[in-house]
Amino acid sequence: RRGWDSYNSDAVERGRAGFAPPDVFSGEPVYPSKSD
């Protein structure tokens, strides 16, 4: 609304960026609990 051309992203491994096959991302993903 203030006139900025705005680019909003989902970073690598998040949301619509998608995931990768196993072994591409090393280690295990972190799943925080609801309280975190």
Full PDB file with SEQRES, HELIX, SHEET, SSBOND, CRYST1, ORIGX, SCALE, CONECT and MASTER records, all heavy atoms in Angstrom:
SEQRES   1 A   36  ARG ARG GLY TRP ASP SER TYR ASN SER ASP ALA VAL GLU          
SEQRES   2 A   36  ARG GLY ARG ALA GLY PHE ALA PRO PRO ASP VAL PHE SER          
SEQRES   3 A   36  GLY GLU PRO VAL TYR PRO SER LYS SER ASP                      
HELIX    1 AA1 GLY A   15  ALA A   17  5                                   3    
CRYST1    1.000    1.000    1.000  90.00  90.00  90.00 P 1           1          
ORIGX1      1.000000  0.000000  0.000000        0.00000                         
ORIGX2      0.000000  1.000000  0.000000        0.00000                         
ORIGX3      0.000000  0.000000  1.000000        0.00000                         
SCALE1      1.000000  0.000000  0.000000        0.00000                         
SCALE2      0.000000  1.000000  0.000000        0.00000                         
SCALE3      0.000000  0.000000  1.000000        0.00000                         
ATOM      1  N   ARG A   1       0.822  -1.218   0.000  1.00  0.00           N  
ATOM      2  CA  ARG A   1       0.000   0.000   0.000  1.00  0.00           C  
ATOM      3  C   ARG A   1       0.855   1.266   0.000  1.00  0.00           C  
ATOM      4  O   ARG A   1       0.399   2.325  -0.446  1.00  0.00           O  
ATOM      5  CB  ARG A   1      -0.930   0.002   1.211  1.00  0.00           C  
ATOM      6  CG  ARG A   1      -2.131  -0.927   1.072  1.00  0.00           C  
ATOM      7  CD  ARG A   1      -3.176  -0.634   2.138  1.00  0.00           C  
ATOM      8  NE  ARG A   1      -4.432  -1.319   1.855  1.00  0.00           N  
ATOM      9  CZ  ARG A   1      -4.827  -2.443   2.442  1.00  0.00           C  
ATOM     10  NH1 ARG A   1      -4.054  -3.026   3.349  1.00  0.00           N  
ATOM     11  NH2 ARG A   1      -5.978  -2.995   2.122  1.00  0.00           N  
ATOM     12  N   ARG A   2       2.072   1.186   0.522  1.00  0.00           N  
ATOM     13  CA  ARG A   2       2.965   2.357   0.504  1.00  0.00           C  
ATOM     14  C   ARG A   2       3.754   2.439  -0.797  1.00  0.00           C  
ATOM     15  O   ARG A   2       4.630   3.281  -0.947  1.00  0.00           O  
ATOM     16  CB  ARG A   2       3.915   2.322   1.701  1.00  0.00           C  
ATOM     17  CG  ARG A   2       3.352   3.065   2.916  1.00  0.00           C  
ATOM     18  CD  ARG A   2       2.243   2.280   3.528  1.00  0.00           C  
ATOM     19  NE  ARG A   2       1.443   3.038   4.494  1.00  0.00           N  
ATOM     20  CZ  ARG A   2       0.293   2.599   4.956  1.00  0.00           C  
ATOM     21  NH1 ARG A   2      -0.188   1.444   4.556  1.00  0.00           N  
ATOM     22  NH2 ARG A   2      -0.401   3.315   5.807  1.00  0.00           N  
ATOM     23  N   GLY A   3       3.436   1.561  -1.743  1.00  0.00           N  
ATOM     24  CA  GLY A   3       4.034   1.678  -3.065  1.00  0.00           C  
ATOM     25  C   GLY A   3       5.326   0.942  -3.268  1.00  0.00           C  
ATOM     26  O   GLY A   3       6.069   1.255  -4.207  1.00  0.00           O  
ATOM     27  N   TRP A   4       5.594  -0.070  -2.450  1.00  0.00           N  
ATOM     28  CA  TRP A   4       6.810  -0.861  -2.625  1.00  0.00           C  
ATOM     29  C   TRP A   4       6.518  -2.088  -3.499  1.00  0.00           C  
ATOM     30  O   TRP A   4       5.585  -2.842  -3.207  1.00  0.00           O  
ATOM     31  CB  TRP A   4       7.346  -1.335  -1.271  1.00  0.00           C  
ATOM     32  CG  TRP A   4       7.902  -0.241  -0.415  1.00  0.00           C  
ATOM     33  CD1 TRP A   4       7.236   0.447   0.566  1.00  0.00           C  
ATOM     34  CD2 TRP A   4       9.225   0.283  -0.446  1.00  0.00           C  
ATOM     35  NE1 TRP A   4       8.073   1.372   1.149  1.00  0.00           N  
ATOM     36  CE2 TRP A   4       9.304   1.296   0.542  1.00  0.00           C  
ATOM     37  CE3 TRP A   4      10.364  -0.006  -1.206  1.00  0.00           C  
ATOM     38  CZ2 TRP A   4      10.469   2.025   0.778  1.00  0.00           C  
ATOM     39  CZ3 TRP A   4      11.528   0.716  -0.971  1.00  0.00           C  
ATOM     40  CH2 TRP A   4      11.574   1.714   0.008  1.00  0.00           C  
ATOM     41  N   ASP A   5       7.301  -2.283  -4.542  1.00  0.00           N  
ATOM     42  CA  ASP A   5       7.291  -3.568  -5.236  1.00  0.00           C  
ATOM     43  C   ASP A   5       7.802  -4.610  -4.246  1.00  0.00           C  
ATOM     44  O   ASP A   5       8.966  -4.548  -3.826  1.00  0.00           O  
ATOM     45  CB  ASP A   5       8.212  -3.526  -6.461  1.00  0.00           C  
ATOM     46  CG  ASP A   5       7.631  -2.716  -7.604  1.00  0.00           C  
ATOM     47  OD1 ASP A   5       6.500  -2.220  -7.484  1.00  0.00           O  
ATOM     48  OD2 ASP A   5       8.335  -2.572  -8.629  1.00  0.00           O  
ATOM     49  N   SER A   6       6.955  -5.542  -3.845  1.00  0.00           N  
ATOM     50  CA  SER A   6       7.252  -6.416  -2.705  1.00  0.00           C  
ATOM     51  C   SER A   6       7.423  -7.857  -3.150  1.00  0.00           C  
ATOM     52  O   SER A   6       6.567  -8.410  -3.847  1.00  0.00           O  
ATOM     53  CB  SER A   6       6.127  -6.310  -1.667  1.00  0.00           C  
ATOM     54  OG  SER A   6       6.000  -4.973  -1.199  1.00  0.00           O  
ATOM     55  N   TYR A   7       8.527  -8.464  -2.711  1.00  0.00           N  
ATOM     56  CA  TYR A   7       8.877  -9.841  -3.053  1.00  0.00           C  
ATOM     57  C   TYR A   7       8.955 -10.650  -1.767  1.00  0.00           C  
ATOM     58  O   TYR A   7       9.836 -10.428  -0.934  1.00  0.00           O  
ATOM     59  CB  TYR A   7      10.220  -9.878  -3.794  1.00  0.00           C  
ATOM     60  CG  TYR A   7      10.158  -9.313  -5.193  1.00  0.00           C  
ATOM     61  CD1 TYR A   7      10.005  -7.941  -5.409  1.00  0.00           C  
ATOM     62  CD2 TYR A   7      10.238 -10.142  -6.304  1.00  0.00           C  
ATOM     63  CE1 TYR A   7       9.934  -7.418  -6.695  1.00  0.00           C  
ATOM     64  CE2 TYR A   7      10.179  -9.633  -7.597  1.00  0.00           C  
ATOM     65  CZ  TYR A   7      10.023  -8.273  -7.782  1.00  0.00           C  
ATOM     66  OH  TYR A   7       9.955  -7.760  -9.062  1.00  0.00           O  
ATOM     67  N   ASN A   8       8.025 -11.577  -1.589  1.00  0.00           N  
ATOM     68  CA  ASN A   8       7.907 -12.356  -0.362  1.00  0.00           C  
ATOM     69  C   ASN A   8       8.285 -13.804  -0.673  1.00  0.00           C  
ATOM     70  O   ASN A   8       7.731 -14.403  -1.595  1.00  0.00           O  
ATOM     71  CB  ASN A   8       6.474 -12.279   0.161  1.00  0.00           C  
ATOM     72  CG  ASN A   8       6.332 -12.817   1.565  1.00  0.00           C  
ATOM     73  OD1 ASN A   8       7.270 -12.798   2.354  1.00  0.00           O  
ATOM     74  ND2 ASN A   8       5.142 -13.294   1.894  1.00  0.00           N  
ATOM     75  N   SER A   9       9.215 -14.371   0.080  1.00  0.00           N  
ATOM     76  CA  SER A   9       9.796 -15.657  -0.303  1.00  0.00           C  
ATOM     77  C   SER A   9       9.559 -16.743   0.741  1.00  0.00           C  
ATOM     78  O   SER A   9       9.332 -16.471   1.919  1.00  0.00           O  
ATOM     79  CB  SER A   9      11.305 -15.498  -0.528  1.00  0.00           C  
ATOM     80  OG  SER A   9      11.928 -14.950   0.618  1.00  0.00           O  
ATOM     81  N   ASP A  10       9.587 -17.982   0.257  1.00  0.00           N  
ATOM     82  CA  ASP A  10       9.741 -19.168   1.101  1.00  0.00           C  
ATOM     83  C   ASP A  10      11.149 -19.683   0.836  1.00  0.00           C  
ATOM     84  O   ASP A  10      11.456 -20.097  -0.282  1.00  0.00           O  
ATOM     85  CB  ASP A  10       8.733 -20.258   0.718  1.00  0.00           C  
ATOM     86  CG  ASP A  10       7.290 -19.897   1.052  1.00  0.00           C  
ATOM     87  OD1 ASP A  10       7.067 -18.839   1.676  1.00  0.00           O  
ATOM     88  OD2 ASP A  10       6.393 -20.660   0.675  1.00  0.00           O  
ATOM     89  N   ALA A  11      11.997 -19.676   1.846  1.00  0.00           N  
ATOM     90  CA  ALA A  11      13.400 -20.034   1.654  1.00  0.00           C  
ATOM     91  C   ALA A  11      13.561 -21.524   1.349  1.00  0.00           C  
ATOM     92  O   ALA A  11      12.610 -22.313   1.437  1.00  0.00           O  
ATOM     93  CB  ALA A  11      14.213 -19.667   2.899  1.00  0.00           C  
ATOM     94  N   VAL A  12      14.764 -21.901   1.000  1.00  0.00           N  
ATOM     95  CA  VAL A  12      15.096 -23.302   0.730  1.00  0.00           C  
ATOM     96  C   VAL A  12      14.556 -24.185   1.854  1.00  0.00           C  
ATOM     97  O   VAL A  12      14.695 -23.849   3.030  1.00  0.00           O  
ATOM     98  CB  VAL A  12      16.624 -23.469   0.618  1.00  0.00           C  
ATOM     99  CG1 VAL A  12      17.012 -24.936   0.523  1.00  0.00           C  
ATOM    100  CG2 VAL A  12      17.153 -22.701  -0.586  1.00  0.00           C  
ATOM    101  N   GLU A  13      13.921 -25.319   1.477  1.00  0.00           N  
ATOM    102  CA  GLU A  13      13.363 -26.341   2.381  1.00  0.00           C  
ATOM    103  C   GLU A  13      12.085 -25.910   3.073  1.00  0.00           C  
ATOM    104  O   GLU A  13      11.529 -26.664   3.870  1.00  0.00           O  
ATOM    105  CB  GLU A  13      14.381 -26.791   3.455  1.00  0.00           C  
ATOM    106  CG  GLU A  13      14.775 -25.621   4.266  1.00  0.00           C  
ATOM    107  CD  GLU A  13      15.154 -25.758   5.696  1.00  0.00           C  
ATOM    108  OE1 GLU A  13      16.285 -26.109   5.974  1.00  0.00           O  
ATOM    109  OE2 GLU A  13      14.298 -25.423   6.522  1.00  0.00           O  
ATOM    110  N   ARG A  14      11.568 -24.712   2.798  1.00  0.00           N  
ATOM    111  CA  ARG A  14      10.357 -24.231   3.482  1.00  0.00           C  
ATOM    112  C   ARG A  14       9.206 -24.072   2.492  1.00  0.00           C  
ATOM    113  O   ARG A  14       9.391 -23.610   1.369  1.00  0.00           O  
ATOM    114  CB  ARG A  14      10.594 -22.876   4.151  1.00  0.00           C  
ATOM    115  CG  ARG A  14      11.889 -22.740   4.918  1.00  0.00           C  
ATOM    116  CD  ARG A  14      11.869 -23.398   6.263  1.00  0.00           C  
ATOM    117  NE  ARG A  14      13.189 -23.272   6.858  1.00  0.00           N  
ATOM    118  CZ  ARG A  14      13.623 -22.199   7.506  1.00  0.00           C  
ATOM    119  NH1 ARG A  14      12.842 -21.148   7.640  1.00  0.00           N  
ATOM    120  NH2 ARG A  14      14.839 -22.174   8.012  1.00  0.00           N  
ATOM    121  N   GLY A  15       7.997 -24.396   2.936  1.00  0.00           N  
ATOM    122  CA  GLY A  15       6.788 -24.072   2.212  1.00  0.00           C  
ATOM    123  C   GLY A  15       6.827 -24.458   0.747  1.00  0.00           C  
ATOM    124  O   GLY A  15       7.143 -25.589   0.375  1.00  0.00           O  
ATOM    125  N   ARG A  16       6.524 -23.497  -0.122  1.00  0.00           N  
ATOM    126  CA  ARG A  16       6.411 -23.769  -1.545  1.00  0.00           C  
ATOM    127  C   ARG A  16       7.757 -23.907  -2.248  1.00  0.00           C  
ATOM    128  O   ARG A  16       7.804 -24.194  -3.441  1.00  0.00           O  
ATOM    129  CB  ARG A  16       5.544 -22.693  -2.205  1.00  0.00           C  
ATOM    130  CG  ARG A  16       4.064 -22.868  -1.892  1.00  0.00           C  
ATOM    131  CD  ARG A  16       3.211 -21.752  -2.440  1.00  0.00           C  
ATOM    132  NE  ARG A  16       3.377 -20.531  -1.674  1.00  0.00           N  
ATOM    133  CZ  ARG A  16       2.700 -19.410  -1.921  1.00  0.00           C  
ATOM    134  NH1 ARG A  16       1.838 -19.360  -2.917  1.00  0.00           N  
ATOM    135  NH2 ARG A  16       2.895 -18.343  -1.172  1.00  0.00           N  
ATOM    136  N   ALA A  17       8.860 -23.695  -1.513  1.00  0.00           N  
ATOM    137  CA  ALA A  17      10.164 -24.017  -2.094  1.00  0.00           C  
ATOM    138  C   ALA A  17      10.307 -25.523  -2.276  1.00  0.00           C  
ATOM    139  O   ALA A  17      11.082 -25.979  -3.119  1.00  0.00           O  
ATOM    140  CB  ALA A  17      11.290 -23.492  -1.203  1.00  0.00           C  
ATOM    141  N   GLY A  18       9.572 -26.305  -1.483  1.00  0.00           N  
ATOM    142  CA  GLY A  18       9.619 -27.759  -1.604  1.00  0.00           C  
ATOM    143  C   GLY A  18      10.772 -28.370  -0.836  1.00  0.00           C  
ATOM    144  O   GLY A  18      11.624 -27.679  -0.276  1.00  0.00           O  
ATOM    145  N   PHE A  19      10.785 -29.692  -0.803  1.00  0.00           N  
ATOM    146  CA  PHE A  19      11.812 -30.427  -0.091  1.00  0.00           C  
ATOM    147  C   PHE A  19      12.778 -31.077  -1.073  1.00  0.00           C  
ATOM    148  O   PHE A  19      12.698 -30.846  -2.279  1.00  0.00           O  
ATOM    149  CB  PHE A  19      11.179 -31.475   0.831  1.00  0.00           C  
ATOM    150  CG  PHE A  19      10.369 -30.859   1.949  1.00  0.00           C  
ATOM    151  CD1 PHE A  19       8.989 -30.767   1.862  1.00  0.00           C  
ATOM    152  CD2 PHE A  19      10.987 -30.348   3.073  1.00  0.00           C  
ATOM    153  CE1 PHE A  19       8.238 -30.191   2.875  1.00  0.00           C  
ATOM    154  CE2 PHE A  19      10.253 -29.770   4.091  1.00  0.00           C  
ATOM    155  CZ  PHE A  19       8.876 -29.694   3.993  1.00  0.00           C  
ATOM    156  N   ALA A  20      13.653 -31.892  -0.584  1.00  0.00           N  
ATOM    157  CA  ALA A  20      14.629 -32.586  -1.413  1.00  0.00           C  
ATOM    158  C   ALA A  20      14.626 -34.062  -1.042  1.00  0.00           C  
ATOM    159  O   ALA A  20      14.177 -34.438   0.045  1.00  0.00           O  
ATOM    160  CB  ALA A  20      16.028 -31.991  -1.191  1.00  0.00           C  
ATOM    161  N   PRO A  21      15.121 -34.926  -1.924  1.00  0.00           N  
ATOM    162  CA  PRO A  21      15.199 -36.342  -1.581  1.00  0.00           C  
ATOM    163  C   PRO A  21      16.068 -36.565  -0.346  1.00  0.00           C  
ATOM    164  O   PRO A  21      16.924 -35.729  -0.008  1.00  0.00           O  
ATOM    165  CB  PRO A  21      15.845 -36.967  -2.821  1.00  0.00           C  
ATOM    166  CG  PRO A  21      15.634 -35.989  -3.912  1.00  0.00           C  
ATOM    167  CD  PRO A  21      15.629 -34.646  -3.269  1.00  0.00           C  
ATOM    168  N   PRO A  22      15.861 -37.660   0.360  1.00  0.00           N  
ATOM    169  CA  PRO A  22      16.705 -37.957   1.516  1.00  0.00           C  
ATOM    170  C   PRO A  22      18.187 -37.904   1.147  1.00  0.00           C  
ATOM    171  O   PRO A  22      18.574 -38.220   0.025  1.00  0.00           O  
ATOM    172  CB  PRO A  22      16.281 -39.380   1.902  1.00  0.00           C  
ATOM    173  CG  PRO A  22      14.890 -39.502   1.393  1.00  0.00           C  
ATOM    174  CD  PRO A  22      14.833 -38.690   0.135  1.00  0.00           C  
ATOM    175  N   ASP A  23      18.994 -37.481   2.081  1.00  0.00           N  
ATOM    176  CA  ASP A  23      20.448 -37.371   1.974  1.00  0.00           C  
ATOM    177  C   ASP A  23      20.911 -36.052   1.351  1.00  0.00           C  
ATOM    178  O   ASP A  23      22.090 -35.720   1.451  1.00  0.00           O  
ATOM    179  CB  ASP A  23      21.078 -38.531   1.188  1.00  0.00           C  
ATOM    180  CG  ASP A  23      20.709 -39.899   1.749  1.00  0.00           C  
ATOM    181  OD1 ASP A  23      20.502 -39.973   2.977  1.00  0.00           O  
ATOM    182  OD2 ASP A  23      20.610 -40.855   0.976  1.00  0.00           O  
ATOM    183  N   VAL A  24      20.015 -35.291   0.688  1.00  0.00           N  
ATOM    184  CA  VAL A  24      20.430 -33.991   0.169  1.00  0.00           C  
ATOM    185  C   VAL A  24      20.582 -33.011   1.325  1.00  0.00           C  
ATOM    186  O   VAL A  24      21.574 -32.288   1.428  1.00  0.00           O  
ATOM    187  CB  VAL A  24      19.442 -33.472  -0.874  1.00  0.00           C  
ATOM    188  CG1 VAL A  24      19.773 -32.030  -1.276  1.00  0.00           C  
ATOM    189  CG2 VAL A  24      19.466 -34.371  -2.113  1.00  0.00           C  
ATOM    190  N   PHE A  25      19.578 -32.959   2.211  1.00  0.00           N  
ATOM    191  CA  PHE A  25      19.695 -32.193   3.450  1.00  0.00           C  
ATOM    192  C   PHE A  25      20.239 -33.141   4.518  1.00  0.00           C  
ATOM    193  O   PHE A  25      19.570 -34.109   4.890  1.00  0.00           O  
ATOM    194  CB  PHE A  25      18.337 -31.663   3.913  1.00  0.00           C  
ATOM    195  CG  PHE A  25      17.656 -30.732   2.950  1.00  0.00           C  
ATOM    196  CD1 PHE A  25      16.280 -30.616   2.936  1.00  0.00           C  
ATOM    197  CD2 PHE A  25      18.389 -29.964   2.057  1.00  0.00           C  
ATOM    198  CE1 PHE A  25      15.637 -29.762   2.058  1.00  0.00           C  
ATOM    199  CE2 PHE A  25      17.760 -29.100   1.171  1.00  0.00           C  
ATOM    200  CZ  PHE A  25      16.381 -29.001   1.173  1.00  0.00           C  
ATOM    201  N   SER A  26      21.435 -32.900   4.988  1.00  0.00           N  
ATOM    202  CA  SER A  26      22.016 -33.785   5.992  1.00  0.00           C  
ATOM    203  C   SER A  26      21.366 -33.545   7.350  1.00  0.00           C  
ATOM    204  O   SER A  26      20.882 -32.461   7.653  1.00  0.00           O  
ATOM    205  CB  SER A  26      23.526 -33.566   6.088  1.00  0.00           C  
ATOM    206  OG  SER A  26      23.812 -32.242   6.493  1.00  0.00           O  
ATOM    207  N   GLY A  27      21.368 -34.592   8.171  1.00  0.00           N  
ATOM    208  CA  GLY A  27      20.778 -34.483   9.492  1.00  0.00           C  
ATOM    209  C   GLY A  27      19.274 -34.621   9.457  1.00  0.00           C  
ATOM    210  O   GLY A  27      18.665 -34.884   8.414  1.00  0.00           O  
ATOM    211  N   GLU A  28      18.658 -34.440  10.605  1.00  0.00           N  
ATOM    212  CA  GLU A  28      17.214 -34.574  10.744  1.00  0.00           C  
ATOM    213  C   GLU A  28      16.570 -33.196  10.880  1.00  0.00           C  
ATOM    214  O   GLU A  28      17.149 -32.291  11.477  1.00  0.00           O  
ATOM    215  CB  GLU A  28      16.877 -35.410  11.983  1.00  0.00           C  
ATOM    216  CG  GLU A  28      17.336 -36.852  11.899  1.00  0.00           C  
ATOM    217  CD  GLU A  28      16.572 -37.646  10.851  1.00  0.00           C  
ATOM    218  OE1 GLU A  28      15.365 -37.353  10.674  1.00  0.00           O  
ATOM    219  OE2 GLU A  28      17.172 -38.518  10.216  1.00  0.00           O  
ATOM    220  N   PRO A  29      15.365 -33.023  10.340  1.00  0.00           N  
ATOM    221  CA  PRO A  29      14.681 -31.740  10.527  1.00  0.00           C  
ATOM    222  C   PRO A  29      14.257 -31.554  11.976  1.00  0.00           C  
ATOM    223  O   PRO A  29      14.056 -32.514  12.712  1.00  0.00           O  
ATOM    224  CB  PRO A  29      13.475 -31.850   9.600  1.00  0.00           C  
ATOM    225  CG  PRO A  29      13.242 -33.316   9.453  1.00  0.00           C  
ATOM    226  CD  PRO A  29      14.596 -33.964   9.530  1.00  0.00           C  
ATOM    227  N   VAL A  30      14.118 -30.303  12.358  1.00  0.00           N  
ATOM    228  CA  VAL A  30      13.676 -29.945  13.697  1.00  0.00           C  
ATOM    229  C   VAL A  30      12.172 -29.694  13.654  1.00  0.00           C  
ATOM    230  O   VAL A  30      11.679 -28.918  12.824  1.00  0.00           O  
ATOM    231  CB  VAL A  30      14.412 -28.685  14.189  1.00  0.00           C  
ATOM    232  CG1 VAL A  30      13.844 -28.219  15.528  1.00  0.00           C  
ATOM    233  CG2 VAL A  30      15.902 -28.952  14.305  1.00  0.00           C  
ATOM    234  N   TYR A  31      11.437 -30.355  14.538  1.00  0.00           N  
ATOM    235  CA  TYR A  31       9.994 -30.191  14.645  1.00  0.00           C  
ATOM    236  C   TYR A  31       9.683 -29.619  16.029  1.00  0.00           C  
ATOM    237  O   TYR A  31       9.609 -30.355  17.004  1.00  0.00           O  
ATOM    238  CB  TYR A  31       9.273 -31.524  14.482  1.00  0.00           C  
ATOM    239  CG  TYR A  31       9.407 -32.171  13.123  1.00  0.00           C  
ATOM    240  CD1 TYR A  31      10.475 -33.015  12.835  1.00  0.00           C  
ATOM    241  CD2 TYR A  31       8.447 -31.958  12.138  1.00  0.00           C  
ATOM    242  CE1 TYR A  31      10.594 -33.618  11.587  1.00  0.00           C  
ATOM    243  CE2 TYR A  31       8.556 -32.555  10.890  1.00  0.00           C  
ATOM    244  CZ  TYR A  31       9.624 -33.390  10.626  1.00  0.00           C  
ATOM    245  OH  TYR A  31       9.738 -33.978   9.385  1.00  0.00           O  
ATOM    246  N   PRO A  32       9.507 -28.308  16.157  1.00  0.00           N  
ATOM    247  CA  PRO A  32       9.218 -27.758  17.482  1.00  0.00           C  
ATOM    248  C   PRO A  32       7.825 -28.151  17.962  1.00  0.00           C  
ATOM    249  O   PRO A  32       6.894 -28.332  17.165  1.00  0.00           O  
ATOM    250  CB  PRO A  32       9.308 -26.245  17.264  1.00  0.00           C  
ATOM    251  CG  PRO A  32       9.029 -26.059  15.813  1.00  0.00           C  
ATOM    252  CD  PRO A  32       9.574 -27.274  15.125  1.00  0.00           C  
ATOM    253  N   SER A  33       7.676 -28.299  19.271  1.00  0.00           N  
ATOM    254  CA  SER A  33       6.372 -28.609  19.853  1.00  0.00           C  
ATOM    255  C   SER A  33       5.484 -27.367  19.826  1.00  0.00           C  
ATOM    256  O   SER A  33       5.944 -26.238  19.575  1.00  0.00           O  
ATOM    257  CB  SER A  33       6.540 -29.085  21.296  1.00  0.00           C  
ATOM    258  OG  SER A  33       6.984 -28.002  22.104  1.00  0.00           O  
ATOM    259  N   LYS A  34       4.234 -27.559  20.121  1.00  0.00           N  
ATOM    260  CA  LYS A  34       3.295 -26.438  20.138  1.00  0.00           C  
ATOM    261  C   LYS A  34       3.682 -25.388  21.168  1.00  0.00           C  
ATOM    262  O   LYS A  34       3.447 -24.192  20.978  1.00  0.00           O  
ATOM    263  CB  LYS A  34       1.881 -26.963  20.413  1.00  0.00           C  
ATOM    264  CG  LYS A  34       0.807 -25.884  20.400  1.00  0.00           C  
ATOM    265  CD  LYS A  34      -0.566 -26.467  20.696  1.00  0.00           C  
ATOM    266  CE  LYS A  34      -1.606 -25.371  20.810  1.00  0.00           C  
ATOM    267  NZ  LYS A  34      -2.950 -25.890  21.142  1.00  0.00           N  
ATOM    268  N   SER A  35       4.296 -25.810  22.270  1.00  0.00           N  
ATOM    269  CA  SER A  35       4.645 -24.865  23.334  1.00  0.00           C  
ATOM    270  C   SER A  35       5.896 -24.052  23.000  1.00  0.00           C  
ATOM    271  O   SER A  35       6.112 -22.974  23.568  1.00  0.00           O  
ATOM    272  CB  SER A  35       4.875 -25.619  24.647  1.00  0.00           C  
ATOM    273  OG  SER A  35       5.992 -26.498  24.540  1.00  0.00           O  
ATOM    274  N   ASP A  36       6.711 -24.541  22.079  1.00  0.00           N  
ATOM    275  CA  ASP A  36       8.027 -23.938  21.829  1.00  0.00           C  
ATOM    276  C   ASP A  36       7.942 -22.462  21.430  1.00  0.00           C  
ATOM    277  O   ASP A  36       8.600 -21.615  22.046  1.00  0.00           O  
ATOM    278  CB  ASP A  36       8.770 -24.759  20.768  1.00  0.00           C  
ATOM    279  CG  ASP A  36      10.133 -24.188  20.450  1.00  0.00           C  
ATOM    280  OD1 ASP A  36      11.108 -24.576  21.122  1.00  0.00           O  
ATOM    281  OD2 ASP A  36      10.239 -23.353  19.525  1.00  0.00           O  
TER     282      ASP A  36                                                      
MASTER        0    0    0    1    0    0    0    6  281    1    0    3          
END                                                                             
